[in-house]
Amino acid sequence: MNNTPMKYEECCKPLHLGQEIARTPEQLMRSRYTAYYHGLGQYIYDTHHSDYRGNTTPEEFTDSAKATNWCHLAVINSSHQESSGTVEFKASFIDKDKLHTFHEVSNFVLEGGLWLYTDGEFKPKITTKINRNEPCPCGSGLKAKRCCI
């Protein structure tokens, strides 16, 4: 799911439960991806800067997240200064028999001691057909036909 060697309980769960706050834009981005994976719309809403999220509600974030079968995150680059940062990543999801990978450079700001996602630059999305007899892209080790498609 996420290319960090840490377990969910060590990495993102304390952030999702409000027990800890993200110390870097990359940590926030990883926790937001994992929130999408788990359908945690309130967390996604709370970590999206209010000037950039429009009229989207926590429930809409939840519905969108739960409707998507996220399977992989790869951080390409991240950097931050005192009060702003960027994270370049690729995130993949499975829809029917296709693997969709989008590539984004996300922007973050530090406000009131909290890192918040603002917006991002999206690169062209890549869509590939999943071979039913190949290993599933989710990383389960099962053939795709016995797993996510």
C-alpha atoms as a PDB file:
ATOM      1  CA  MET A   1       0.000   0.000   0.000  1.00  0.00           C
ATOM      2  CA  ASN A   2       2.595   2.553   1.122  1.00  0.00           C
ATOM      3  CA  ASN A   3       6.332   2.311   0.463  1.00  0.00           C
ATOM      4  CA  THR A   4       7.314   2.991   4.065  1.00  0.00           C
ATOM      5  CA  PRO A   5       8.614   0.067   6.136  1.00  0.00           C
ATOM      6  CA  MET A   6       6.568   1.195   9.152  1.00  0.00           C
ATOM      7  CA  LYS A   7       3.348  -0.496  10.220  1.00  0.00           C
ATOM      8  CA  TYR A   8       0.086   1.487  10.225  1.00  0.00           C
ATOM      9  CA  GLU A   9       0.005   1.496  14.047  1.00  0.00           C
ATOM     10  CA  GLU A  10       3.455   3.136  14.142  1.00  0.00           C
ATOM     11  CA  CYS A  11       3.136   5.455  11.173  1.00  0.00           C
ATOM     12  CA  CYS A  12      -0.280   6.937  10.503  1.00  0.00           C
ATOM     13  CA  LYS A  13      -2.727   5.667  13.100  1.00  0.00           C
ATOM     14  CA  PRO A  14      -1.480   8.058  15.839  1.00  0.00           C
ATOM     15  CA  LEU A  15      -1.998  10.935  13.387  1.00  0.00           C
ATOM     16  CA  HIS A  16      -5.460   9.703  12.396  1.00  0.00           C
ATOM     17  CA  LEU A  17      -6.459   9.437  16.068  1.00  0.00           C
ATOM     18  CA  GLY A  18      -5.132  12.925  16.869  1.00  0.00           C
ATOM     19  CA  GLN A  19      -2.484  11.546  19.240  1.00  0.00           C
ATOM     20  CA  GLU A  20       0.346  13.056  17.174  1.00  0.00           C
ATOM     21  CA  ILE A  21       0.731  15.689  14.466  1.00  0.00           C
ATOM     22  CA  ALA A  22       2.678  15.398  11.226  1.00  0.00           C
ATOM     23  CA  ARG A  23       6.200  16.752  11.591  1.00  0.00           C
ATOM     24  CA  THR A  24       6.842  17.150   7.852  1.00  0.00           C
ATOM     25  CA  PRO A  25       4.842  17.567   4.644  1.00  0.00           C
ATOM     26  CA  GLU A  26       5.876  14.048   3.604  1.00  0.00           C
ATOM     27  CA  GLN A  27       4.561  12.552   6.826  1.00  0.00           C
ATOM     28  CA  LEU A  28       1.279  14.428   6.333  1.00  0.00           C
ATOM     29  CA  MET A  29       1.026  13.306   2.703  1.00  0.00           C
ATOM     30  CA  ARG A  30       1.615   9.664   3.673  1.00  0.00           C
ATOM     31  CA  SER A  31      -1.015   9.948   6.395  1.00  0.00           C
ATOM     32  CA  ARG A  32      -3.497  11.513   3.953  1.00  0.00           C
ATOM     33  CA  TYR A  33      -2.920   8.712   1.426  1.00  0.00           C
ATOM     34  CA  THR A  34      -3.459   6.163   4.196  1.00  0.00           C
ATOM     35  CA  ALA A  35      -6.606   8.032   5.263  1.00  0.00           C
ATOM     36  CA  TYR A  36      -7.893   7.682   1.697  1.00  0.00           C
ATOM     37  CA  TYR A  37      -7.031   3.963   1.851  1.00  0.00           C
ATOM     38  CA  HIS A  38      -9.015   3.569   5.093  1.00  0.00           C
ATOM     39  CA  GLY A  39     -11.858   5.928   4.111  1.00  0.00           C
ATOM     40  CA  LEU A  40     -11.155   8.507   6.838  1.00  0.00           C
ATOM     41  CA  GLY A  41     -12.855  11.518   5.272  1.00  0.00           C
ATOM     42  CA  GLN A  42     -12.797  13.657   8.410  1.00  0.00           C
ATOM     43  CA  TYR A  43      -8.996  13.405   8.591  1.00  0.00           C
ATOM     44  CA  ILE A  44      -8.676  14.226   4.896  1.00  0.00           C
ATOM     45  CA  TYR A  45     -10.946  17.239   5.424  1.00  0.00           C
ATOM     46  CA  ASP A  46      -9.137  18.416   8.565  1.00  0.00           C
ATOM     47  CA  THR A  47      -5.703  18.278   6.894  1.00  0.00           C
ATOM     48  CA  HIS A  48      -6.826  20.116   3.732  1.00  0.00           C
ATOM     49  CA  HIS A  49      -6.347  23.878   4.105  1.00  0.00           C
ATOM     50  CA  SER A  50      -9.767  25.550   4.345  1.00  0.00           C
ATOM     51  CA  ASP A  51      -8.870  28.105   1.645  1.00  0.00           C
ATOM     52  CA  TYR A  52      -8.364  25.267  -0.873  1.00  0.00           C
ATOM     53  CA  ARG A  53     -10.972  22.590  -0.170  1.00  0.00           C
ATOM     54  CA  GLY A  54     -13.968  24.481  -1.524  1.00  0.00           C
ATOM     55  CA  ASN A  55     -17.364  23.218  -0.397  1.00  0.00           C
ATOM     56  CA  THR A  56     -16.306  19.575  -0.117  1.00  0.00           C
ATOM     57  CA  THR A  57     -17.615  18.000   3.096  1.00  0.00           C
ATOM     58  CA  PRO A  58     -15.961  15.328   5.246  1.00  0.00           C
ATOM     59  CA  GLU A  59     -18.702  12.935   4.122  1.00  0.00           C
ATOM     60  CA  GLU A  60     -17.867  13.572   0.456  1.00  0.00           C
ATOM     61  CA  PHE A  61     -14.190  12.859   1.154  1.00  0.00           C
ATOM     62  CA  THR A  62     -15.254   9.630   2.905  1.00  0.00           C
ATOM     63  CA  ASP A  63     -17.509   8.554   0.037  1.00  0.00           C
ATOM     64  CA  SER A  64     -14.807   9.253  -2.548  1.00  0.00           C
ATOM     65  CA  ALA A  65     -12.152   7.415  -0.545  1.00  0.00           C
ATOM     66  CA  LYS A  66     -14.328   4.359   0.061  1.00  0.00           C
ATOM     67  CA  ALA A  67     -15.270   4.169  -3.625  1.00  0.00           C
ATOM     68  CA  THR A  68     -11.614   3.831  -4.631  1.00  0.00           C
ATOM     69  CA  ASN A  69      -9.434   0.725  -4.274  1.00  0.00           C
ATOM     70  CA  TRP A  70      -6.069   2.326  -3.434  1.00  0.00           C
ATOM     71  CA  CYS A  71      -3.142  -0.073  -3.751  1.00  0.00           C
ATOM     72  CA  HIS A  72       0.226   1.702  -3.889  1.00  0.00           C
ATOM     73  CA  LEU A  73       2.028   4.895  -2.941  1.00  0.00           C
ATOM     74  CA  ALA A  74       5.539   5.850  -4.046  1.00  0.00           C
ATOM     75  CA  VAL A  75       7.137   9.058  -2.801  1.00  0.00           C
ATOM     76  CA  ILE A  76       9.500  10.410  -5.439  1.00  0.00           C
ATOM     77  CA  ASN A  77      10.768  13.552  -3.738  1.00  0.00           C
ATOM     78  CA  SER A  78       9.951  15.772  -0.787  1.00  0.00           C
ATOM     79  CA  SER A  79      11.333  19.009   0.545  1.00  0.00           C
ATOM     80  CA  HIS A  80      10.310  21.698   2.971  1.00  0.00           C
ATOM     81  CA  GLN A  81      11.400  24.984   4.340  1.00  0.00           C
ATOM     82  CA  GLU A  82      10.243  26.628   7.544  1.00  0.00           C
ATOM     83  CA  SER A  83       6.584  27.093   6.580  1.00  0.00           C
ATOM     84  CA  SER A  84       6.031  25.457   3.181  1.00  0.00           C
ATOM     85  CA  GLY A  85       6.875  22.252   1.408  1.00  0.00           C
ATOM     86  CA  THR A  86       6.248  19.976  -1.540  1.00  0.00           C
ATOM     87  CA  VAL A  87       5.919  16.236  -1.978  1.00  0.00           C
ATOM     88  CA  GLU A  88       6.092  14.544  -5.356  1.00  0.00           C
ATOM     89  CA  PHE A  89       4.467  11.129  -5.440  1.00  0.00           C
ATOM     90  CA  LYS A  90       2.653   8.529  -7.488  1.00  0.00           C
ATOM     91  CA  ALA A  91      -0.476   6.861  -6.135  1.00  0.00           C
ATOM     92  CA  SER A  92      -2.227   3.928  -7.760  1.00  0.00           C
ATOM     93  CA  PHE A  93      -5.710   2.513  -7.550  1.00  0.00           C
ATOM     94  CA  ILE A  94      -7.521  -0.367  -9.199  1.00  0.00           C
ATOM     95  CA  ASP A  95     -10.811   0.072 -11.026  1.00  0.00           C
ATOM     96  CA  LYS A  96     -12.223  -3.097 -12.583  1.00  0.00           C
ATOM     97  CA  ASP A  97      -9.356  -4.531 -14.663  1.00  0.00           C
ATOM     98  CA  LYS A  98      -7.268  -1.368 -14.895  1.00  0.00           C
ATOM     99  CA  LEU A  99      -4.499   0.102 -12.777  1.00  0.00           C
ATOM    100  CA  HIS A 100      -4.651   3.897 -12.642  1.00  0.00           C
ATOM    101  CA  THR A 101      -1.585   5.804 -11.478  1.00  0.00           C
ATOM    102  CA  PHE A 102      -1.600   9.512 -10.934  1.00  0.00           C
ATOM    103  CA  HIS A 103       1.466  11.634 -10.399  1.00  0.00           C
ATOM    104  CA  GLU A 104       1.242  14.792  -8.320  1.00  0.00           C
ATOM    105  CA  VAL A 105       3.485  17.442  -6.822  1.00  0.00           C
ATOM    106  CA  SER A 106       1.552  18.477  -3.708  1.00  0.00           C
ATOM    107  CA  ASN A 107       1.959  21.773  -1.881  1.00  0.00           C
ATOM    108  CA  PHE A 108       1.794  22.152   1.894  1.00  0.00           C
ATOM    109  CA  VAL A 109       1.906  25.035   4.362  1.00  0.00           C
ATOM    110  CA  LEU A 110       2.641  25.129   8.069  1.00  0.00           C
ATOM    111  CA  GLU A 111      -0.113  27.071   9.797  1.00  0.00           C
ATOM    112  CA  GLY A 112      -0.711  27.251  13.535  1.00  0.00           C
ATOM    113  CA  GLY A 113       1.855  24.507  14.072  1.00  0.00           C
ATOM    114  CA  LEU A 114       0.051  22.119  11.680  1.00  0.00           C
ATOM    115  CA  TRP A 115       1.071  21.044   8.192  1.00  0.00           C
ATOM    116  CA  LEU A 116      -1.855  21.349   5.764  1.00  0.00           C
ATOM    117  CA  TYR A 117      -2.301  20.269   2.150  1.00  0.00           C
ATOM    118  CA  THR A 118      -3.182  23.176  -0.144  1.00  0.00           C
ATOM    119  CA  ASP A 119      -3.113  22.067  -3.772  1.00  0.00           C
ATOM    120  CA  GLY A 120      -1.014  20.253  -6.310  1.00  0.00           C
ATOM    121  CA  GLU A 121       0.221  20.036  -9.857  1.00  0.00           C
ATOM    122  CA  PHE A 122      -1.083  16.908 -11.549  1.00  0.00           C
ATOM    123  CA  LYS A 123       0.928  15.137 -14.226  1.00  0.00           C
ATOM    124  CA  PRO A 124      -0.856  12.992 -16.849  1.00  0.00           C
ATOM    125  CA  LYS A 125      -2.529   9.899 -15.355  1.00  0.00           C
ATOM    126  CA  ILE A 126      -1.311   6.508 -16.579  1.00  0.00           C
ATOM    127  CA  THR A 127      -3.812   3.680 -17.053  1.00  0.00           C
ATOM    128  CA  THR A 128      -2.759   0.106 -17.770  1.00  0.00           C
ATOM    129  CA  LYS A 129      -4.765  -3.078 -18.179  1.00  0.00           C
ATOM    130  CA  ILE A 130      -4.141  -5.645 -15.450  1.00  0.00           C
ATOM    131  CA  ASN A 131      -3.374  -9.166 -16.644  1.00  0.00           C
ATOM    132  CA  ARG A 132      -5.669 -11.442 -14.623  1.00  0.00           C
ATOM    133  CA  ASN A 133      -2.976 -14.143 -14.328  1.00  0.00           C
ATOM    134  CA  GLU A 134      -0.192 -11.823 -13.154  1.00  0.00           C
ATOM    135  CA  PRO A 135       0.407 -10.911  -9.498  1.00  0.00           C
ATOM    136  CA  CYS A 136      -2.104  -8.341  -8.281  1.00  0.00           C
ATOM    137  CA  PRO A 137      -0.684  -4.795  -8.223  1.00  0.00           C
ATOM    138  CA  CYS A 138      -1.912  -4.410  -4.630  1.00  0.00           C
ATOM    139  CA  GLY A 139       1.073  -6.488  -3.508  1.00  0.00           C
ATOM    140  CA  SER A 140      -0.911  -9.334  -1.920  1.00  0.00           C
ATOM    141  CA  GLY A 141       1.037 -11.971  -3.844  1.00  0.00           C
ATOM    142  CA  LEU A 142      -2.180 -13.433  -5.252  1.00  0.00           C
ATOM    143  CA  LYS A 143      -3.055 -13.502  -8.920  1.00  0.00           C
ATOM    144  CA  ALA A 144      -5.079 -10.440  -9.862  1.00  0.00           C
ATOM    145  CA  LYS A 145      -8.125 -12.551 -10.778  1.00  0.00           C
ATOM    146  CA  ARG A 146      -8.208 -13.943  -7.222  1.00  0.00           C
ATOM    147  CA  CYS A 147      -7.688 -10.592  -5.561  1.00  0.00           C
ATOM    148  CA  CYS A 148      -8.684  -7.096  -6.669  1.00  0.00           C
ATOM    149  CA  ILE A 149     -10.284  -7.723 -10.076  1.00  0.00           C
END
